[in-house]
Structures are given as C-alpha cells and as structure tokens.
Amino acid sequence: MMKRFLLPLILMLSGWTGTVTEVRDGNVVTVVNMETQEPVAVRLWACDAPEVDQPYGQIAQKFLADLVMNHEIAVTEMHRDLQGMLRVSLYIGDTFINNEMIAHGLAWFDQRLTPSDILLASYETACVNGLGLWASKQSIHPKMWRKLYHHANLTLDPVSVAKNLAYLSQLDPDQLPIPQSNR
C-alpha cells in the first residue's frame, strides 16, 4: 500500500512519464517525454548490462525491450554519468525495471553509486542461483569487455600492451574471464 503513495511522491520530486521508443542495449533506452514530446536517451541507474556484441548482450536487450518497449513508464532522474547521459530509475506501475534486470541476472549491480537494499538483494539472489550472466563462469563485466574487445582493431604496440596489462592487474579479479582448461 505504501508503494502506491511513495511512487507518485518520488515522481513529483524528480520524475516524468514517457513512452519507450527504442532499446539500444540492456541498459540504454530512448524515452519520449510525454510533456515535451522530446526523445531522451537514458541509462538505467545502478545497472551495467552486457554490450550487445557480448555474451548475454542480446538476451539482456531483448528482455528489456519485452519489458518496456512502447509502454508508458515513470522516469525518476538520479544523476548524469561521466559521459553526460542521464541515469534513471524506470517503473511500469509498481515494477522497478532496474531491479528486474538485476534480479534476472542480466545486469551487474553498480554498488558504488548509492546503496540499495532492494538491488543488492536481487543481485545476490541472482548470483547465488546462477541466473542469466551468473550461469557462466565466463561472464565478463562490460567495462572489461570494452577494454579487451572494442579496441581489437587497433594496432597493439608494446607500450599499449604494457598499459593494458597494468590496467588489467588493477581490476577486480571477479570481473576477469576464467581461463578454460584444454581437457
């Protein structure tokens, strides 16, 4: 019962409604603001879904599209990220879309932003139950994927290789791929 009163209050403070017209990947959508009729590209707050060309990327994109495409949604603005994109929480009725992505194992939960008991609980449950990304020990965080694969067409000189190795050595080991044995 409290959710029904809390959501309108949140929207009055920092939100708006719109219709999703495009799902770019598992955490970026275009929403047409109902008031201004302007399309706005937004990124799901506290979620980092796989890139479209990454394993589970197309699955995450389709799952998100099935949830939000052509639906009226409530948008709560959280902040702008380093690239200037608006980070948001999305709702369809009482359904918290960001949480749905994490709960189904289709996005990493970025705990650095702001603690969220709901998102953390969903993340831990998805990991423990091996849902989505967590079904494979080969899941690679999107930041790592971009670093390893999106620059593959560049010429790698010894200095670039050394810089990348230094960068990789500073990352969380849980984000690195686990080598497969040849057996």
C-alpha atoms as a PDB file:
ATOM      1  CA  MET A   1       0.000   0.000   0.000  1.00  0.00           C
ATOM      2  CA  MET A   2       2.823   2.368   0.828  1.00  0.00           C
ATOM      3  CA  LYS A   3       4.335   1.865  -2.672  1.00  0.00           C
ATOM      4  CA  ARG A   4       1.239   3.396  -4.269  1.00  0.00           C
ATOM      5  CA  PHE A   5       1.731   6.624  -2.333  1.00  0.00           C
ATOM      6  CA  LEU A   6       5.520   6.673  -2.466  1.00  0.00           C
ATOM      7  CA  LEU A   7       5.892   6.377  -6.256  1.00  0.00           C
ATOM      8  CA  PRO A   8       3.759   9.465  -7.081  1.00  0.00           C
ATOM      9  CA  LEU A   9       5.687  11.417  -4.434  1.00  0.00           C
ATOM     10  CA  ILE A  10       9.023  10.415  -5.984  1.00  0.00           C
ATOM     11  CA  LEU A  11       7.780  11.383  -9.449  1.00  0.00           C
ATOM     12  CA  MET A  12       6.592  14.788  -8.222  1.00  0.00           C
ATOM     13  CA  LEU A  13      10.070  15.481  -6.885  1.00  0.00           C
ATOM     14  CA  SER A  14      12.233  14.398  -9.813  1.00  0.00           C
ATOM     15  CA  GLY A  15      10.265  12.445 -12.367  1.00  0.00           C
ATOM     16  CA  TRP A  16       8.299  12.445 -15.545  1.00  0.00           C
ATOM     17  CA  THR A  17       6.487   9.970 -17.737  1.00  0.00           C
ATOM     18  CA  GLY A  18       7.149   8.858 -21.246  1.00  0.00           C
ATOM     19  CA  THR A  19       6.980   6.089 -23.792  1.00  0.00           C
ATOM     20  CA  VAL A  20       9.957   3.909 -24.683  1.00  0.00           C
ATOM     21  CA  THR A  21      10.573   4.024 -28.435  1.00  0.00           C
ATOM     22  CA  GLU A  22      13.993   2.364 -28.645  1.00  0.00           C
ATOM     23  CA  VAL A  23      16.017  -0.138 -26.639  1.00  0.00           C
ATOM     24  CA  ARG A  24      19.672   0.266 -27.609  1.00  0.00           C
ATOM     25  CA  ASP A  25      21.034  -2.416 -25.312  1.00  0.00           C
ATOM     26  CA  GLY A  26      20.333  -3.934 -21.902  1.00  0.00           C
ATOM     27  CA  ASN A  27      20.577  -0.645 -20.038  1.00  0.00           C
ATOM     28  CA  VAL A  28      20.058   2.216 -22.510  1.00  0.00           C
ATOM     29  CA  VAL A  29      16.652   3.222 -23.851  1.00  0.00           C
ATOM     30  CA  THR A  30      15.110   6.197 -25.605  1.00  0.00           C
ATOM     31  CA  VAL A  31      12.053   7.625 -23.893  1.00  0.00           C
ATOM     32  CA  VAL A  32       9.767  10.227 -25.465  1.00  0.00           C
ATOM     33  CA  ASN A  33       8.846  12.624 -22.669  1.00  0.00           C
ATOM     34  CA  MET A  34       5.032  12.905 -22.633  1.00  0.00           C
ATOM     35  CA  GLU A  35       5.100  16.572 -21.623  1.00  0.00           C
ATOM     36  CA  THR A  36       7.761  17.896 -24.022  1.00  0.00           C
ATOM     37  CA  GLN A  37       7.438  15.209 -26.745  1.00  0.00           C
ATOM     38  CA  GLU A  38      11.251  15.183 -26.880  1.00  0.00           C
ATOM     39  CA  PRO A  39      13.129  11.866 -27.154  1.00  0.00           C
ATOM     40  CA  VAL A  40      15.619  11.403 -24.320  1.00  0.00           C
ATOM     41  CA  ALA A  41      18.310   8.715 -24.239  1.00  0.00           C
ATOM     42  CA  VAL A  42      18.650   7.394 -20.685  1.00  0.00           C
ATOM     43  CA  ARG A  43      20.763   4.755 -18.955  1.00  0.00           C
ATOM     44  CA  LEU A  44      19.426   2.556 -16.152  1.00  0.00           C
ATOM     45  CA  TRP A  45      20.806   3.720 -12.817  1.00  0.00           C
ATOM     46  CA  ALA A  46      22.986   1.217 -10.900  1.00  0.00           C
ATOM     47  CA  CYS A  47      22.841  -1.307 -13.790  1.00  0.00           C
ATOM     48  CA  ASP A  48      25.590  -2.283 -16.190  1.00  0.00           C
ATOM     49  CA  ALA A  49      24.279  -4.746 -18.762  1.00  0.00           C
ATOM     50  CA  PRO A  50      26.477  -6.628 -21.228  1.00  0.00           C
ATOM     51  CA  GLU A  51      27.308  -4.944 -24.517  1.00  0.00           C
ATOM     52  CA  VAL A  52      25.112  -6.092 -27.426  1.00  0.00           C
ATOM     53  CA  ASP A  53      28.086  -7.889 -29.036  1.00  0.00           C
ATOM     54  CA  GLN A  54      28.976  -9.580 -25.731  1.00  0.00           C
ATOM     55  CA  PRO A  55      27.580 -12.907 -24.459  1.00  0.00           C
ATOM     56  CA  TYR A  56      24.141 -12.267 -22.898  1.00  0.00           C
ATOM     57  CA  GLY A  57      24.081  -8.794 -24.508  1.00  0.00           C
ATOM     58  CA  GLN A  58      21.301  -9.569 -26.973  1.00  0.00           C
ATOM     59  CA  ILE A  59      19.409 -11.531 -24.318  1.00  0.00           C
ATOM     60  CA  ALA A  60      19.544  -8.525 -21.962  1.00  0.00           C
ATOM     61  CA  GLN A  61      18.479  -6.177 -24.769  1.00  0.00           C
ATOM     62  CA  LYS A  62      15.510  -8.392 -25.706  1.00  0.00           C
ATOM     63  CA  PHE A  63      14.454  -8.861 -22.081  1.00  0.00           C
ATOM     64  CA  LEU A  64      14.486  -5.089 -21.509  1.00  0.00           C
ATOM     65  CA  ALA A  65      12.651  -4.474 -24.798  1.00  0.00           C
ATOM     66  CA  ASP A  66       9.967  -7.001 -23.836  1.00  0.00           C
ATOM     67  CA  LEU A  67       9.514  -5.174 -20.518  1.00  0.00           C
ATOM     68  CA  VAL A  68       9.403  -1.557 -21.692  1.00  0.00           C
ATOM     69  CA  MET A  69       9.066  -1.149 -25.456  1.00  0.00           C
ATOM     70  CA  ASN A  70       6.054   1.025 -26.373  1.00  0.00           C
ATOM     71  CA  HIS A  71       4.980   1.135 -22.718  1.00  0.00           C
ATOM     72  CA  GLU A  72       4.241   4.249 -20.716  1.00  0.00           C
ATOM     73  CA  ILE A  73       6.837   4.406 -17.970  1.00  0.00           C
ATOM     74  CA  ALA A  74       7.637   6.574 -14.983  1.00  0.00           C
ATOM     75  CA  VAL A  75      11.154   8.011 -15.086  1.00  0.00           C
ATOM     76  CA  THR A  76      12.980   9.119 -11.938  1.00  0.00           C
ATOM     77  CA  GLU A  77      16.165  11.050 -12.682  1.00  0.00           C
ATOM     78  CA  MET A  78      19.089  10.094 -10.461  1.00  0.00           C
ATOM     79  CA  HIS A  79      22.148  11.908 -11.946  1.00  0.00           C
ATOM     80  CA  ARG A  80      24.228  12.377 -15.098  1.00  0.00           C
ATOM     81  CA  ASP A  81      27.103   9.967 -15.649  1.00  0.00           C
ATOM     82  CA  LEU A  82      30.628  10.855 -16.771  1.00  0.00           C
ATOM     83  CA  GLN A  83      29.537  10.712 -20.424  1.00  0.00           C
ATOM     84  CA  GLY A  84      26.719  13.185 -19.688  1.00  0.00           C
ATOM     85  CA  MET A  85      23.940  10.598 -20.078  1.00  0.00           C
ATOM     86  CA  LEU A  86      21.004  10.783 -17.710  1.00  0.00           C
ATOM     87  CA  ARG A  87      20.928   7.870 -15.216  1.00  0.00           C
ATOM     88  CA  VAL A  88      17.379   6.941 -14.252  1.00  0.00           C
ATOM     89  CA  SER A  89      15.145   4.520 -12.410  1.00  0.00           C
ATOM     90  CA  LEU A  90      12.282   3.240 -14.562  1.00  0.00           C
ATOM     91  CA  TYR A  91       8.908   1.999 -13.364  1.00  0.00           C
ATOM     92  CA  ILE A  92       5.888   0.468 -15.024  1.00  0.00           C
ATOM     93  CA  GLY A  93       3.263   0.648 -12.305  1.00  0.00           C
ATOM     94  CA  ASP A  94       4.902  -0.888  -9.226  1.00  0.00           C
ATOM     95  CA  THR A  95       7.500  -2.785 -11.285  1.00  0.00           C
ATOM     96  CA  PHE A  96      11.014  -1.378 -10.811  1.00  0.00           C
ATOM     97  CA  ILE A  97      12.634  -2.087 -14.197  1.00  0.00           C
ATOM     98  CA  ASN A  98      16.227  -1.632 -12.968  1.00  0.00           C
ATOM     99  CA  ASN A  99      15.594  -4.306 -10.347  1.00  0.00           C
ATOM    100  CA  GLU A 100      14.072  -6.660 -12.939  1.00  0.00           C
ATOM    101  CA  MET A 101      17.290  -6.539 -14.995  1.00  0.00           C
ATOM    102  CA  ILE A 102      19.437  -7.313 -11.953  1.00  0.00           C
ATOM    103  CA  ALA A 103      17.051  -9.917 -10.491  1.00  0.00           C
ATOM    104  CA  HIS A 104      17.093 -11.915 -13.742  1.00  0.00           C
ATOM    105  CA  GLY A 105      20.896 -11.850 -13.874  1.00  0.00           C
ATOM    106  CA  LEU A 106      21.032  -9.606 -16.931  1.00  0.00           C
ATOM    107  CA  ALA A 107      22.963  -6.684 -15.442  1.00  0.00           C
ATOM    108  CA  TRP A 108      25.674  -6.102 -12.903  1.00  0.00           C
ATOM    109  CA  PHE A 109      24.678  -4.021  -9.872  1.00  0.00           C
ATOM    110  CA  ASP A 110      26.941  -0.983  -9.519  1.00  0.00           C
ATOM    111  CA  GLN A 111      27.143  -0.592  -5.745  1.00  0.00           C
ATOM    112  CA  ARG A 112      29.481   2.405  -5.965  1.00  0.00           C
ATOM    113  CA  LEU A 113      26.636   4.792  -6.799  1.00  0.00           C
ATOM    114  CA  THR A 114      24.253   4.578  -3.868  1.00  0.00           C
ATOM    115  CA  PRO A 115      23.495   1.601  -1.690  1.00  0.00           C
ATOM    116  CA  SER A 116      20.180  -0.029  -2.472  1.00  0.00           C
ATOM    117  CA  ASP A 117      18.973  -2.911  -0.324  1.00  0.00           C
ATOM    118  CA  ILE A 118      16.462  -3.980  -2.983  1.00  0.00           C
ATOM    119  CA  LEU A 119      19.018  -4.078  -5.806  1.00  0.00           C
ATOM    120  CA  LEU A 120      21.695  -5.683  -3.637  1.00  0.00           C
ATOM    121  CA  ALA A 121      19.321  -8.441  -2.508  1.00  0.00           C
ATOM    122  CA  SER A 122      18.272  -9.108  -6.116  1.00  0.00           C
ATOM    123  CA  TYR A 123      21.906  -9.153  -7.254  1.00  0.00           C
ATOM    124  CA  GLU A 124      22.952 -11.595  -4.544  1.00  0.00           C
ATOM    125  CA  THR A 125      19.977 -13.873  -5.250  1.00  0.00           C
ATOM    126  CA  ALA A 126      20.703 -13.903  -8.997  1.00  0.00           C
ATOM    127  CA  CYS A 127      24.380 -14.724  -8.351  1.00  0.00           C
ATOM    128  CA  VAL A 128      23.651 -17.493  -5.827  1.00  0.00           C
ATOM    129  CA  ASN A 129      21.008 -19.070  -8.077  1.00  0.00           C
ATOM    130  CA  GLY A 130      23.154 -18.825 -11.230  1.00  0.00           C
ATOM    131  CA  LEU A 131      20.624 -16.745 -13.157  1.00  0.00           C
ATOM    132  CA  GLY A 132      21.483 -15.164 -16.515  1.00  0.00           C
ATOM    133  CA  LEU A 133      25.081 -13.967 -16.513  1.00  0.00           C
ATOM    134  CA  TRP A 134      25.795 -15.932 -13.372  1.00  0.00           C
ATOM    135  CA  ALA A 135      25.084 -19.253 -15.109  1.00  0.00           C
ATOM    136  CA  SER A 136      28.516 -18.946 -16.732  1.00  0.00           C
ATOM    137  CA  LYS A 137      31.911 -18.507 -15.156  1.00  0.00           C
ATOM    138  CA  GLN A 138      32.883 -16.782 -18.401  1.00  0.00           C
ATOM    139  CA  SER A 139      30.809 -13.651 -17.747  1.00  0.00           C
ATOM    140  CA  ILE A 140      32.925 -10.569 -18.244  1.00  0.00           C
ATOM    141  CA  HIS A 141      31.968  -7.167 -16.864  1.00  0.00           C
ATOM    142  CA  PRO A 142      31.088  -4.749 -19.714  1.00  0.00           C
ATOM    143  CA  LYS A 143      33.911  -2.366 -18.764  1.00  0.00           C
ATOM    144  CA  MET A 144      36.383  -5.212 -19.196  1.00  0.00           C
ATOM    145  CA  TRP A 145      34.704  -6.338 -22.424  1.00  0.00           C
ATOM    146  CA  ARG A 146      35.011  -2.862 -23.934  1.00  0.00           C
ATOM    147  CA  LYS A 147      38.652  -2.658 -22.891  1.00  0.00           C
ATOM    148  CA  LEU A 148      39.516  -6.089 -24.327  1.00  0.00           C
ATOM    149  CA  TYR A 149      37.378  -6.275 -27.461  1.00  0.00           C
ATOM    150  CA  HIS A 150      36.285  -2.849 -28.667  1.00  0.00           C
ATOM    151  CA  HIS A 151      39.856  -1.805 -29.308  1.00  0.00           C
ATOM    152  CA  ALA A 152      40.773  -5.050 -31.086  1.00  0.00           C
ATOM    153  CA  ASN A 153      41.044  -3.330 -34.465  1.00  0.00           C
ATOM    154  CA  LEU A 154      43.765  -1.010 -33.167  1.00  0.00           C
ATOM    155  CA  THR A 155      47.429  -1.822 -33.713  1.00  0.00           C
ATOM    156  CA  LEU A 156      48.870  -3.003 -30.436  1.00  0.00           C
ATOM    157  CA  ASP A 157      52.372  -1.746 -29.914  1.00  0.00           C
ATOM    158  CA  PRO A 158      54.451  -2.871 -26.878  1.00  0.00           C
ATOM    159  CA  VAL A 159      53.637   0.330 -24.948  1.00  0.00           C
ATOM    160  CA  SER A 160      49.860  -0.160 -25.421  1.00  0.00           C
ATOM    161  CA  VAL A 161      50.111  -3.803 -24.370  1.00  0.00           C
ATOM    162  CA  ALA A 162      52.053  -2.834 -21.232  1.00  0.00           C
ATOM    163  CA  LYS A 163      49.479  -0.141 -20.345  1.00  0.00           C
ATOM    164  CA  ASN A 164      46.603  -2.593 -20.817  1.00  0.00           C
ATOM    165  CA  LEU A 165      48.316  -5.222 -18.672  1.00  0.00           C
ATOM    166  CA  ALA A 166      48.916  -2.643 -15.934  1.00  0.00           C
ATOM    167  CA  TYR A 167      45.240  -1.622 -16.136  1.00  0.00           C
ATOM    168  CA  LEU A 168      44.039  -5.240 -16.025  1.00  0.00           C
ATOM    169  CA  SER A 169      46.175  -6.021 -12.980  1.00  0.00           C
ATOM    170  CA  GLN A 170      44.306  -3.319 -11.011  1.00  0.00           C
ATOM    171  CA  LEU A 171      40.834  -4.708 -11.744  1.00  0.00           C
ATOM    172  CA  ASP A 172      38.679  -6.819  -9.507  1.00  0.00           C
ATOM    173  CA  PRO A 173      39.553 -10.478 -10.225  1.00  0.00           C
ATOM    174  CA  ASP A 174      35.827 -11.328 -10.261  1.00  0.00           C
ATOM    175  CA  GLN A 175      35.486  -9.249 -13.438  1.00  0.00           C
ATOM    176  CA  LEU A 176      38.212 -11.134 -15.315  1.00  0.00           C
ATOM    177  CA  PRO A 177      37.459 -14.144 -17.509  1.00  0.00           C
ATOM    178  CA  ILE A 178      38.432 -17.510 -16.074  1.00  0.00           C
ATOM    179  CA  PRO A 179      40.730 -19.479 -18.404  1.00  0.00           C
ATOM    180  CA  GLN A 180      39.269 -22.749 -19.670  1.00  0.00           C
ATOM    181  CA  SER A 181      41.339 -25.900 -19.481  1.00  0.00           C
ATOM    182  CA  ASN A 182      42.059 -27.671 -22.756  1.00  0.00           C
ATOM    183  CA  ARG A 183      40.788 -31.037 -21.488  1.00  0.00           C
END
